């Protein structure tokens, strides 16, 4: 999966101070997550349904 051409997004709640953010991107069937300080570093790929369950759990 080529994530180099993917559009990465930071949370609107992220600030430019500190730079401790994660970025997410949508790819076919998965959500990709990376460290904003290391965009060329490793990426975590999470199944869309599992990601939705994680977010729901965090909101709860």
PDB file of N, CA and C in Angstrom:
ATOM      1  N   UNK A   1       0.855  -1.174   0.000  1.00  0.00           N
ATOM      2  CA  UNK A   1       0.000   0.000   0.000  1.00  0.00           C
ATOM      3  C   UNK A   1       0.900   1.235   0.000  1.00  0.00           C
ATOM      4  N   UNK A   2       0.697   2.120  -0.957  1.00  0.00           N
ATOM      5  CA  UNK A   2       1.497   3.329  -1.080  1.00  0.00           C
ATOM      6  C   UNK A   2       0.833   4.457  -0.299  1.00  0.00           C
ATOM      7  N   UNK A   3       1.430   4.805   0.827  1.00  0.00           N
ATOM      8  CA  UNK A   3       0.875   5.877   1.653  1.00  0.00           C
ATOM      9  C   UNK A   3       1.557   7.213   1.391  1.00  0.00           C
ATOM     10  N   UNK A   4       2.518   7.244   0.466  1.00  0.00           N
ATOM     11  CA  UNK A   4       3.238   8.483   0.175  1.00  0.00           C
ATOM     12  C   UNK A   4       2.357   9.523  -0.501  1.00  0.00           C
ATOM     13  N   UNK A   5       1.355   9.078  -1.234  1.00  0.00           N
ATOM     14  CA  UNK A   5       0.482  10.020  -1.935  1.00  0.00           C
ATOM     15  C   UNK A   5      -0.826  10.266  -1.177  1.00  0.00           C
ATOM     16  N   UNK A   6      -0.925   9.692   0.003  1.00  0.00           N
ATOM     17  CA  UNK A   6      -2.133   9.824   0.822  1.00  0.00           C
ATOM     18  C   UNK A   6      -2.159  11.184   1.504  1.00  0.00           C
ATOM     19  N   UNK A   7      -3.350  11.736   1.681  1.00  0.00           N
ATOM     20  CA  UNK A   7      -3.510  12.990   2.415  1.00  0.00           C
ATOM     21  C   UNK A   7      -3.592  12.679   3.904  1.00  0.00           C
ATOM     22  N   UNK A   8      -2.636  13.205   4.653  1.00  0.00           N
ATOM     23  CA  UNK A   8      -2.591  12.996   6.105  1.00  0.00           C
ATOM     24  C   UNK A   8      -3.227  14.190   6.789  1.00  0.00           C
ATOM     25  N   UNK A   9      -3.941  13.926   7.887  1.00  0.00           N
ATOM     26  CA  UNK A   9      -4.640  14.989   8.624  1.00  0.00           C
ATOM     27  C   UNK A   9      -4.307  14.924  10.106  1.00  0.00           C
ATOM     28  N   UNK A  10      -4.159  16.101  10.694  1.00  0.00           N
ATOM     29  CA  UNK A  10      -3.992  16.218  12.143  1.00  0.00           C
ATOM     30  C   UNK A  10      -5.326  16.626  12.741  1.00  0.00           C
ATOM     31  N   UNK A  11      -5.502  16.329  13.985  1.00  0.00           N
ATOM     32  CA  UNK A  11      -6.710  16.751  14.693  1.00  0.00           C
ATOM     33  C   UNK A  11      -6.792  18.272  14.712  1.00  0.00           C
ATOM     34  N   UNK A  12      -7.989  18.802  14.622  1.00  0.00           N
ATOM     35  CA  UNK A  12      -8.175  20.249  14.717  1.00  0.00           C
ATOM     36  C   UNK A  12      -7.823  20.744  16.114  1.00  0.00           C
ATOM     37  N   UNK A  13      -7.727  19.833  17.069  1.00  0.00           N
ATOM     38  CA  UNK A  13      -7.360  20.200  18.431  1.00  0.00           C
ATOM     39  C   UNK A  13      -5.850  20.193  18.660  1.00  0.00           C
ATOM     40  N   UNK A  14      -5.098  19.756  17.657  1.00  0.00           N
ATOM     41  CA  UNK A  14      -3.651  19.768  17.760  1.00  0.00           C
ATOM     42  C   UNK A  14      -3.154  21.196  17.636  1.00  0.00           C
ATOM     43  N   UNK A  15      -2.095  21.499  18.340  1.00  0.00           N
ATOM     44  CA  UNK A  15      -1.494  22.824  18.249  1.00  0.00           C
ATOM     45  C   UNK A  15      -0.096  22.681  17.679  1.00  0.00           C
ATOM     46  N   UNK A  16       0.446  23.767  17.211  1.00  0.00           N
ATOM     47  CA  UNK A  16       1.793  23.730  16.656  1.00  0.00           C
ATOM     48  C   UNK A  16       2.851  23.725  17.757  1.00  0.00           C
ATOM     49  N   UNK A  17       2.468  24.034  18.986  1.00  0.00           N
ATOM     50  CA  UNK A  17       3.437  24.015  20.077  1.00  0.00           C
ATOM     51  C   UNK A  17       3.584  22.598  20.598  1.00  0.00           C
ATOM     52  N   UNK A  18       4.801  22.213  20.805  1.00  0.00           N
ATOM     53  CA  UNK A  18       5.050  20.870  21.326  1.00  0.00           C
ATOM     54  C   UNK A  18       5.204  19.833  20.252  1.00  0.00           C
ATOM     55  N   UNK A  19       4.400  19.908  19.205  1.00  0.00           N
ATOM     56  CA  UNK A  19       4.518  19.004  18.076  1.00  0.00           C
ATOM     57  C   UNK A  19       4.253  17.543  18.385  1.00  0.00           C
ATOM     58  N   UNK A  20       3.596  17.255  19.483  1.00  0.00           N
ATOM     59  CA  UNK A  20       3.330  15.863  19.857  1.00  0.00           C
ATOM     60  C   UNK A  20       1.947  15.461  19.378  1.00  0.00           C
ATOM     61  N   UNK A  21       1.873  15.145  18.102  1.00  0.00           N
ATOM     62  CA  UNK A  21       0.585  14.831  17.484  1.00  0.00           C
ATOM     63  C   UNK A  21       0.702  13.545  16.677  1.00  0.00           C
ATOM     64  N   UNK A  22      -0.413  12.962  16.422  1.00  0.00           N
ATOM     65  CA  UNK A  22      -0.474  11.883  15.450  1.00  0.00           C
ATOM     66  C   UNK A  22      -1.258  12.397  14.259  1.00  0.00           C
ATOM     67  N   UNK A  23      -1.002  11.801  13.120  1.00  0.00           N
ATOM     68  CA  UNK A  23      -1.733  12.129  11.912  1.00  0.00           C
ATOM     69  C   UNK A  23      -2.432  10.866  11.440  1.00  0.00           C
ATOM     70  N   UNK A  24      -3.560  11.049  10.787  1.00  0.00           N
ATOM     71  CA  UNK A  24      -4.323   9.916  10.281  1.00  0.00           C
ATOM     72  C   UNK A  24      -4.615  10.128   8.809  1.00  0.00           C
ATOM     73  N   UNK A  25      -4.759   9.010   8.121  1.00  0.00           N
ATOM     74  CA  UNK A  25      -5.113   9.038   6.707  1.00  0.00           C
ATOM     75  C   UNK A  25      -6.061   7.878   6.428  1.00  0.00           C
ATOM     76  N   UNK A  26      -6.934   8.094   5.476  1.00  0.00           N
ATOM     77  CA  UNK A  26      -7.871   7.057   5.065  1.00  0.00           C
ATOM     78  C   UNK A  26      -7.310   6.357   3.837  1.00  0.00           C
ATOM     79  N   UNK A  27      -7.268   5.037   3.908  1.00  0.00           N
ATOM     80  CA  UNK A  27      -6.836   4.213   2.781  1.00  0.00           C
ATOM     81  C   UNK A  27      -7.880   3.111   2.620  1.00  0.00           C
ATOM     82  N   UNK A  28      -7.904   2.434   1.484  1.00  0.00           N
ATOM     83  CA  UNK A  28      -8.915   1.401   1.272  1.00  0.00           C
ATOM     84  C   UNK A  28      -8.936   0.344   2.387  1.00  0.00           C
ATOM     85  N   UNK A  29     -10.023   0.327   3.147  1.00  0.00           N
ATOM     86  CA  UNK A  29     -10.219  -0.678   4.186  1.00  0.00           C
ATOM     87  C   UNK A  29      -9.521  -0.430   5.506  1.00  0.00           C
ATOM     88  N   UNK A  30      -8.664   0.596   5.566  1.00  0.00           N
ATOM     89  CA  UNK A  30      -7.899   0.836   6.791  1.00  0.00           C
ATOM     90  C   UNK A  30      -7.808   2.319   7.105  1.00  0.00           C
ATOM     91  N   UNK A  31      -7.439   2.588   8.340  1.00  0.00           N
ATOM     92  CA  UNK A  31      -7.039   3.919   8.772  1.00  0.00           C
ATOM     93  C   UNK A  31      -5.557   3.824   9.080  1.00  0.00           C
ATOM     94  N   UNK A  32      -4.779   4.716   8.504  1.00  0.00           N
ATOM     95  CA  UNK A  32      -3.338   4.743   8.742  1.00  0.00           C
ATOM     96  C   UNK A  32      -3.038   5.825   9.779  1.00  0.00           C
ATOM     97  N   UNK A  33      -2.118   5.520  10.694  1.00  0.00           N
ATOM     98  CA  UNK A  33      -1.743   6.450  11.758  1.00  0.00           C
ATOM     99  C   UNK A  33      -0.225   6.555  11.772  1.00  0.00           C
ATOM    100  N   UNK A  34       0.282   7.792  11.928  1.00  0.00           N
ATOM    101  CA  UNK A  34       1.726   7.995  12.019  1.00  0.00           C
ATOM    102  C   UNK A  34       2.038   9.121  12.999  1.00  0.00           C
ATOM    103  N   UNK A  35       3.274   9.181  13.423  1.00  0.00           N
ATOM    104  CA  UNK A  35       3.773  10.230  14.303  1.00  0.00           C
ATOM    105  C   UNK A  35       4.063  11.458  13.447  1.00  0.00           C
ATOM    106  N   UNK A  36       3.484  12.596  13.786  1.00  0.00           N
ATOM    107  CA  UNK A  36       3.674  13.798  12.973  1.00  0.00           C
ATOM    108  C   UNK A  36       5.119  14.275  12.980  1.00  0.00           C
ATOM    109  N   UNK A  37       5.881  13.928  14.014  1.00  0.00           N
ATOM    110  CA  UNK A  37       7.280  14.332  14.084  1.00  0.00           C
ATOM    111  C   UNK A  37       8.169  13.451  13.210  1.00  0.00           C
ATOM    112  N   UNK A  38       7.674  12.310  12.784  1.00  0.00           N
ATOM    113  CA  UNK A  38       8.458  11.359  11.994  1.00  0.00           C
ATOM    114  C   UNK A  38       7.623  10.826  10.833  1.00  0.00           C
ATOM    115  N   UNK A  39       7.273  11.704   9.877  1.00  0.00           N
ATOM    116  CA  UNK A  39       6.377  11.285   8.804  1.00  0.00           C
ATOM    117  C   UNK A  39       6.935  10.169   7.921  1.00  0.00           C
ATOM    118  N   UNK A  40       8.246   9.988   7.910  1.00  0.00           N
ATOM    119  CA  UNK A  40       8.837   8.906   7.121  1.00  0.00           C
ATOM    120  C   UNK A  40       9.025   7.633   7.934  1.00  0.00           C
ATOM    121  N   UNK A  41       8.672   7.697   9.205  1.00  0.00           N
ATOM    122  CA  UNK A  41       8.811   6.545  10.090  1.00  0.00           C
ATOM    123  C   UNK A  41       7.697   5.534   9.890  1.00  0.00           C
ATOM    124  N   UNK A  42       7.575   4.607  10.826  1.00  0.00           N
ATOM    125  CA  UNK A  42       6.571   3.549  10.700  1.00  0.00           C
ATOM    126  C   UNK A  42       5.140   4.086  10.749  1.00  0.00           C
ATOM    127  N   UNK A  43       4.268   3.361  10.101  1.00  0.00           N
ATOM    128  CA  UNK A  43       2.841   3.680  10.106  1.00  0.00           C
ATOM    129  C   UNK A  43       2.076   2.494  10.663  1.00  0.00           C
ATOM    130  N   UNK A  44       1.042   2.789  11.410  1.00  0.00           N
ATOM    131  CA  UNK A  44       0.162   1.761  11.958  1.00  0.00           C
ATOM    132  C   UNK A  44      -1.076   1.705  11.086  1.00  0.00           C
ATOM    133  N   UNK A  45      -1.418   0.532  10.587  1.00  0.00           N
ATOM    134  CA  UNK A  45      -2.619   0.351   9.780  1.00  0.00           C
ATOM    135  C   UNK A  45      -3.652  -0.390  10.615  1.00  0.00           C
ATOM    136  N   UNK A  46      -4.832   0.207  10.755  1.00  0.00           N
ATOM    137  CA  UNK A  46      -5.888  -0.358  11.588  1.00  0.00           C
ATOM    138  C   UNK A  46      -7.127  -0.555  10.719  1.00  0.00           C
ATOM    139  N   UNK A  47      -7.722  -1.728  10.804  1.00  0.00           N
ATOM    140  CA  UNK A  47      -8.969  -2.017  10.100  1.00  0.00           C
ATOM    141  C   UNK A  47     -10.008  -0.952  10.462  1.00  0.00           C
ATOM    142  N   UNK A  48     -10.765  -0.490   9.475  1.00  0.00           N
ATOM    143  CA  UNK A  48     -11.748   0.582   9.711  1.00  0.00           C
ATOM    144  C   UNK A  48     -12.744   0.256  10.823  1.00  0.00           C
ATOM    145  N   UNK A  49     -13.231  -0.974  10.868  1.00  0.00           N
ATOM    146  CA  UNK A  49     -14.208  -1.346  11.888  1.00  0.00           C
ATOM    147  C   UNK A  49     -13.564  -1.373  13.272  1.00  0.00           C
ATOM    148  N   UNK A  50     -12.339  -1.860  13.339  1.00  0.00           N
ATOM    149  CA  UNK A  50     -11.631  -1.870  14.623  1.00  0.00           C
ATOM    150  C   UNK A  50     -11.313  -0.451  15.080  1.00  0.00           C
ATOM    151  N   UNK A  51     -10.974   0.426  14.137  1.00  0.00           N
ATOM    152  CA  UNK A  51     -10.700   1.817  14.483  1.00  0.00           C
ATOM    153  C   UNK A  51     -11.965   2.497  15.011  1.00  0.00           C
ATOM    154  N   UNK A  52     -13.093   2.243  14.357  1.00  0.00           N
ATOM    155  CA  UNK A  52     -14.368   2.815  14.813  1.00  0.00           C
ATOM    156  C   UNK A  52     -14.698   2.326  16.226  1.00  0.00           C
ATOM    157  N   UNK A  53     -14.439   1.049  16.501  1.00  0.00           N
ATOM    158  CA  UNK A  53     -14.700   0.504  17.851  1.00  0.00           C
ATOM    159  C   UNK A  53     -13.774   1.169  18.864  1.00  0.00           C
ATOM    160  N   UNK A  54     -12.511   1.403  18.490  1.00  0.00           N
ATOM    161  CA  UNK A  54     -11.562   2.075  19.393  1.00  0.00           C
ATOM    162  C   UNK A  54     -12.041   3.471  19.715  1.00  0.00           C
ATOM    163  N   UNK A  55     -12.422   4.241  18.705  1.00  0.00           N
ATOM    164  CA  UNK A  55     -12.888   5.605  18.913  1.00  0.00           C
ATOM    165  C   UNK A  55     -14.145   5.624  19.785  1.00  0.00           C
ATOM    166  N   UNK A  56     -15.077   4.720  19.524  1.00  0.00           N
ATOM    167  CA  UNK A  56     -16.297   4.640  20.336  1.00  0.00           C
ATOM    168  C   UNK A  56     -15.958   4.332  21.783  1.00  0.00           C
ATOM    169  N   UNK A  57     -15.020   3.431  21.987  1.00  0.00           N
ATOM    170  CA  UNK A  57     -14.600   3.068  23.334  1.00  0.00           C
ATOM    171  C   UNK A  57     -13.946   4.257  24.049  1.00  0.00           C
ATOM    172  N   UNK A  58     -13.118   5.007  23.333  1.00  0.00           N
ATOM    173  CA  UNK A  58     -12.466   6.169  23.925  1.00  0.00           C
ATOM    174  C   UNK A  58     -13.463   7.269  24.283  1.00  0.00           C
ATOM    175  N   UNK A  59     -14.496   7.417  23.459  1.00  0.00           N
ATOM    176  CA  UNK A  59     -15.517   8.418  23.741  1.00  0.00           C
ATOM    177  C   UNK A  59     -16.357   8.055  24.948  1.00  0.00           C
ATOM    178  N   UNK A  60     -16.510   6.748  25.162  1.00  0.00           N
ATOM    179  CA  UNK A  60     -17.352   6.260  26.244  1.00  0.00           C
ATOM    180  C   UNK A  60     -16.635   6.473  27.562  1.00  0.00           C
TER     181      UNK A  60
END
